[in-house]
Amino acid sequence: MGVFTGFIVYLLIYGLTLFTVLPWGHISKGTTEGGTVASAPEDPKLLKKFIITALISMAVWCVVYILIQMEIINFYEIARSMREEDLK
């Protein structure tokens, strides 16, 4: 996997992980003040969630990288089989 491809894969994993981590520890205000909705978080702790997301993403990316390098996941073979199915 090249540097650019690895970076793109990391960004995809980061985005998916971020939307998984954002709801963790969500405590809503329960009241509407100054135009906010009642479900708005009282203290979102975004920096903490971004750091957690980065750490989880790094771990998942490392696993994906190892699987690709060991050729357990072989994208060339997957693409070849998909092409053969399309040509049928």
Protein backbone atom coordinates (compact mmCIF):
# COMPACT_ATOMS: atom_id res chain seq x y z
CA MET A 1 0.00 0.00 0.00
CA GLY A 2 1.40 3.38 -0.99
CA VAL A 3 1.56 6.46 1.20
CA PHE A 4 -1.37 8.18 -0.53
CA THR A 5 -3.55 5.06 -0.41
CA GLY A 6 -2.67 4.49 3.23
CA PHE A 7 -3.61 8.08 4.07
CA ILE A 8 -6.95 7.79 2.26
CA VAL A 9 -7.72 4.51 4.03
CA TYR A 10 -6.86 6.17 7.36
CA LEU A 11 -9.21 9.10 6.61
CA LEU A 12 -12.04 6.71 5.77
CA ILE A 13 -11.50 4.76 8.98
CA TYR A 14 -11.23 8.02 10.97
CA GLY A 15 -14.52 9.34 9.57
CA LEU A 16 -16.40 6.15 10.36
CA THR A 17 -14.87 5.95 13.82
CA LEU A 18 -15.64 9.61 14.57
CA PHE A 19 -19.36 9.11 13.99
CA THR A 20 -19.21 6.06 16.25
CA VAL A 21 -17.37 7.91 19.07
CA LEU A 22 -19.33 11.20 19.00
CA PRO A 23 -22.40 9.90 20.90
CA TRP A 24 -20.29 8.43 23.74
CA GLY A 25 -21.10 10.12 27.05
CA HIS A 26 -23.78 12.33 25.55
CA ILE A 27 -25.70 14.20 28.26
CA SER A 28 -28.31 16.60 26.95
CA LYS A 29 -29.20 19.92 28.57
CA GLY A 30 -32.87 19.08 28.66
CA THR A 31 -33.88 22.75 28.33
CA THR A 32 -33.89 25.16 25.43
CA GLU A 33 -31.90 28.34 25.98
CA GLY A 34 -31.20 30.98 23.38
CA GLY A 35 -32.33 28.96 20.39
CA THR A 36 -30.61 25.67 21.22
CA VAL A 37 -32.44 22.39 21.02
CA ALA A 38 -33.09 20.30 24.11
CA SER A 39 -30.92 17.46 22.80
CA ALA A 40 -27.80 19.67 22.48
CA PRO A 41 -24.97 18.28 24.63
CA GLU A 42 -24.14 20.08 27.85
CA ASP A 43 -20.37 19.50 27.52
CA PRO A 44 -19.46 17.77 24.23
CA LYS A 45 -15.75 17.13 25.14
CA LEU A 46 -14.82 17.21 21.45
CA LEU A 47 -11.04 17.29 21.93
CA LYS A 48 -11.18 14.13 24.04
CA LYS A 49 -13.38 12.45 21.42
CA PHE A 50 -11.04 13.47 18.57
CA ILE A 51 -8.06 11.99 20.43
CA ILE A 52 -9.94 8.75 21.16
CA THR A 53 -11.00 8.59 17.51
CA ALA A 54 -7.41 9.06 16.33
CA LEU A 55 -6.14 6.27 18.61
CA ILE A 56 -8.86 3.81 17.58
CA SER A 57 -8.35 4.71 13.92
CA MET A 58 -4.62 4.10 14.18
CA ALA A 59 -5.19 0.66 15.69
CA VAL A 60 -7.74 -0.31 13.04
CA TRP A 61 -5.50 1.08 10.27
CA CYS A 62 -2.57 -1.00 11.54
CA VAL A 63 -4.69 -4.16 11.42
CA VAL A 64 -5.86 -3.35 7.87
CA TYR A 65 -2.27 -2.60 6.81
CA ILE A 66 -1.02 -5.91 8.20
CA LEU A 67 -3.84 -7.83 6.51
CA ILE A 68 -3.01 -6.20 3.17
CA GLN A 69 0.76 -6.76 3.52
CA MET A 70 0.26 -10.43 4.46
CA GLU A 71 -2.08 -10.69 1.44
CA ILE A 72 -4.94 -11.97 3.57
CA ILE A 73 -6.89 -9.17 1.90
CA ASN A 74 -5.87 -9.14 -1.76
CA PHE A 75 -7.58 -6.32 -3.63
CA TYR A 76 -6.12 -7.43 -6.97
CA GLU A 77 -7.78 -10.82 -6.59
CA ILE A 78 -11.06 -9.22 -5.52
CA ALA A 79 -10.99 -6.88 -8.53
CA ARG A 80 -10.13 -9.76 -10.87
CA SER A 81 -13.06 -11.87 -9.62
CA MET A 82 -15.44 -8.91 -9.87
CA ARG A 83 -14.31 -8.31 -13.48
CA GLU A 84 -14.86 -11.98 -14.35
CA GLU A 85 -18.37 -11.82 -12.90
CA ASP A 86 -19.15 -8.71 -14.94
CA LEU A 87 -17.94 -10.36 -18.16
CA LYS A 88 -20.29 -13.35 -17.74
